[in-house]
Amino acid sequence: MAEVKSMSETNPLTMGTSLKASAIGGVVAGIIFGIFMQLMGKLPMVAMLVGSESVAVGWFVHMVISVIFGLGFGVLASGRKNIYGLAIIYGIVLWVVGPLLIMPAMLGMGVMIGQAFTGAQLMNLVTHLGFALILAFVYSKTNR
């Protein structure tokens, strides 16, 4: 019996198609993740990266970062079949680079690697994994 393959398995994505799909995924995942961040009161802290404490500015900065992270995923995912495995690794990397290294350093708190396994940072890990998995799901559905 012949195996039926999906379009994405038979026609690998071009880089342009991959980037378009990942930008859309970054927006969708960013909105969902942003809602959780707003509910937890985290968007003013994101706004502080650019010298503000406004929730609106926090949303803008968060969405710019989400699209950039989405595009990064698109570069890595182009032509790959196991995008969900990649998404898990990507989510872990985003967690380390974002809330454990860059964000606290930019806000004058130093790096947070020593607090990686505290409750707050483990919640950050879960949300970044969620972001990456939502990104991969939307990517897989929009890459045609």
Protein backbone atom coordinates (compact mmCIF):
# COMPACT_ATOMS: atom_id res chain seq x y z
CA MET A 1 0.00 0.00 0.00
CA ALA A 2 1.40 3.40 -0.98
CA GLU A 3 2.11 5.85 1.81
CA VAL A 4 0.24 9.13 1.56
CA LYS A 5 2.43 12.14 2.33
CA SER A 6 1.32 15.59 3.30
CA MET A 7 2.18 18.56 1.12
CA SER A 8 4.83 19.71 3.61
CA GLU A 9 6.60 16.33 3.42
CA THR A 10 6.69 16.22 -0.35
CA ASN A 11 7.43 19.89 -1.02
CA PRO A 12 9.92 21.31 1.47
CA LEU A 13 9.27 24.91 2.32
CA THR A 14 11.19 27.66 0.67
CA MET A 15 12.80 30.03 3.12
CA GLY A 16 10.32 32.76 2.19
CA THR A 17 7.34 30.51 2.85
CA SER A 18 8.91 29.35 6.10
CA LEU A 19 9.48 32.92 7.28
CA LYS A 20 5.92 33.94 6.41
CA ALA A 21 4.48 30.97 8.31
CA SER A 22 6.74 31.59 11.29
CA ALA A 23 5.93 35.32 11.44
CA ILE A 24 2.23 34.44 11.56
CA GLY A 25 3.00 31.84 14.22
CA GLY A 26 4.96 34.42 16.21
CA VAL A 27 2.01 36.82 16.14
CA VAL A 28 -0.53 34.17 17.20
CA ALA A 29 1.71 32.71 19.92
CA GLY A 30 2.63 36.24 21.02
CA ILE A 31 -1.00 37.23 21.47
CA ILE A 32 -1.80 34.10 23.49
CA PHE A 33 1.37 34.39 25.58
CA GLY A 34 0.77 38.13 25.98
CA ILE A 35 -2.69 37.54 27.45
CA PHE A 36 -1.11 35.35 30.13
CA MET A 37 1.58 37.96 30.73
CA GLN A 38 -1.05 40.67 31.13
CA LEU A 39 -3.03 38.53 33.57
CA MET A 40 0.16 38.02 35.61
CA GLY A 41 1.01 41.74 35.51
CA LYS A 42 4.27 41.20 33.58
CA LEU A 43 3.79 43.61 30.65
CA PRO A 44 4.95 46.73 32.54
CA MET A 45 8.24 44.88 33.19
CA VAL A 46 8.56 44.19 29.45
CA ALA A 47 7.92 47.89 28.80
CA MET A 48 10.79 48.70 31.17
CA LEU A 49 13.15 47.27 28.53
CA VAL A 50 12.54 50.49 26.58
CA GLY A 51 12.20 52.87 29.54
CA SER A 52 8.43 52.74 30.06
CA GLU A 53 6.00 51.01 32.41
CA SER A 54 2.97 51.26 30.13
CA VAL A 55 1.00 48.09 29.46
CA ALA A 56 0.48 49.26 25.86
CA VAL A 57 4.23 49.71 25.37
CA GLY A 58 4.77 46.31 27.00
CA TRP A 59 2.38 44.75 24.47
CA PHE A 60 4.21 46.45 21.59
CA VAL A 61 7.65 45.34 22.78
CA HIS A 62 6.37 41.83 23.50
CA MET A 63 4.84 41.51 20.03
CA VAL A 64 8.02 42.74 18.32
CA ILE A 65 10.01 40.16 20.28
CA SER A 66 7.42 37.48 19.44
CA VAL A 67 7.72 38.13 15.70
CA ILE A 68 11.53 38.13 15.91
CA PHE A 69 11.45 34.83 17.82
CA GLY A 70 8.93 33.53 15.28
CA LEU A 71 11.23 34.41 12.39
CA GLY A 72 14.15 32.72 14.15
CA PHE A 73 12.07 29.58 14.41
CA GLY A 74 11.25 29.81 10.70
CA VAL A 75 14.93 29.90 9.80
CA LEU A 76 15.58 26.80 11.90
CA ALA A 77 12.40 24.93 10.89
CA SER A 78 12.62 25.37 7.13
CA GLY A 79 12.76 21.94 5.53
CA ARG A 80 12.53 20.06 8.84
CA LYS A 81 9.94 17.40 9.57
CA ASN A 82 10.02 17.22 13.39
CA ILE A 83 9.12 20.82 14.14
CA TYR A 84 7.57 19.96 17.52
CA GLY A 85 10.84 18.50 18.81
CA LEU A 86 12.55 21.62 17.51
CA ALA A 87 9.90 23.74 19.25
CA ILE A 88 10.63 22.14 22.62
CA ILE A 89 14.34 22.87 22.27
CA TYR A 90 13.56 26.37 20.97
CA GLY A 91 11.27 27.08 23.94
CA ILE A 92 13.99 26.05 26.38
CA VAL A 93 16.53 28.26 24.58
CA LEU A 94 14.09 31.21 24.62
CA TRP A 95 13.59 30.70 28.36
CA VAL A 96 17.32 30.71 29.07
CA VAL A 97 18.11 33.63 26.77
CA GLY A 98 15.07 35.78 27.67
CA PRO A 99 14.00 35.68 31.33
CA LEU A 100 17.18 34.10 32.70
CA LEU A 101 19.82 36.17 30.87
CA ILE A 102 18.92 39.17 28.71
CA MET A 103 15.83 40.63 30.38
CA PRO A 104 17.12 40.65 33.97
CA ALA A 105 20.53 41.92 32.80
CA MET A 106 18.89 44.76 30.85
CA LEU A 107 16.81 45.66 33.91
CA GLY A 108 19.87 45.78 36.18
CA MET A 109 19.03 42.62 38.14
CA GLY A 110 21.92 40.53 36.87
CA VAL A 111 21.40 37.12 35.32
CA MET A 112 18.93 34.69 36.89
CA ILE A 113 20.57 31.34 36.10
CA GLY A 114 20.86 30.63 39.83
CA GLN A 115 17.08 30.96 40.17
CA ALA A 116 16.29 28.76 37.14
CA PHE A 117 14.52 26.10 39.18
CA THR A 118 12.44 28.37 41.41
CA GLY A 119 8.67 28.35 40.99
CA ALA A 120 8.58 31.66 39.11
CA GLN A 121 11.27 30.64 36.64
CA LEU A 122 9.76 27.20 36.09
CA MET A 123 6.49 28.96 35.23
CA ASN A 124 8.49 31.04 32.74
CA LEU A 125 9.83 27.80 31.28
CA VAL A 126 6.30 26.41 30.88
CA THR A 127 5.05 29.57 29.20
CA HIS A 128 8.03 29.72 26.81
CA LEU A 129 7.49 26.06 25.91
CA GLY A 130 3.82 26.89 25.32
CA PHE A 131 4.80 29.83 23.12
CA ALA A 132 7.13 27.66 21.04
CA LEU A 133 4.61 24.83 20.67
CA ILE A 134 1.84 27.24 19.62
CA LEU A 135 4.31 28.81 17.19
CA ALA A 136 5.12 25.37 15.73
CA PHE A 137 1.43 24.45 15.45
CA VAL A 138 0.53 27.65 13.60
CA TYR A 139 3.66 27.28 11.48
CA SER A 140 2.61 23.76 10.49
CA LYS A 141 -0.86 24.96 9.47
CA THR A 142 0.23 28.07 7.52
CA ASN A 143 3.27 26.81 5.62
CA ARG A 144 1.44 25.96 2.41
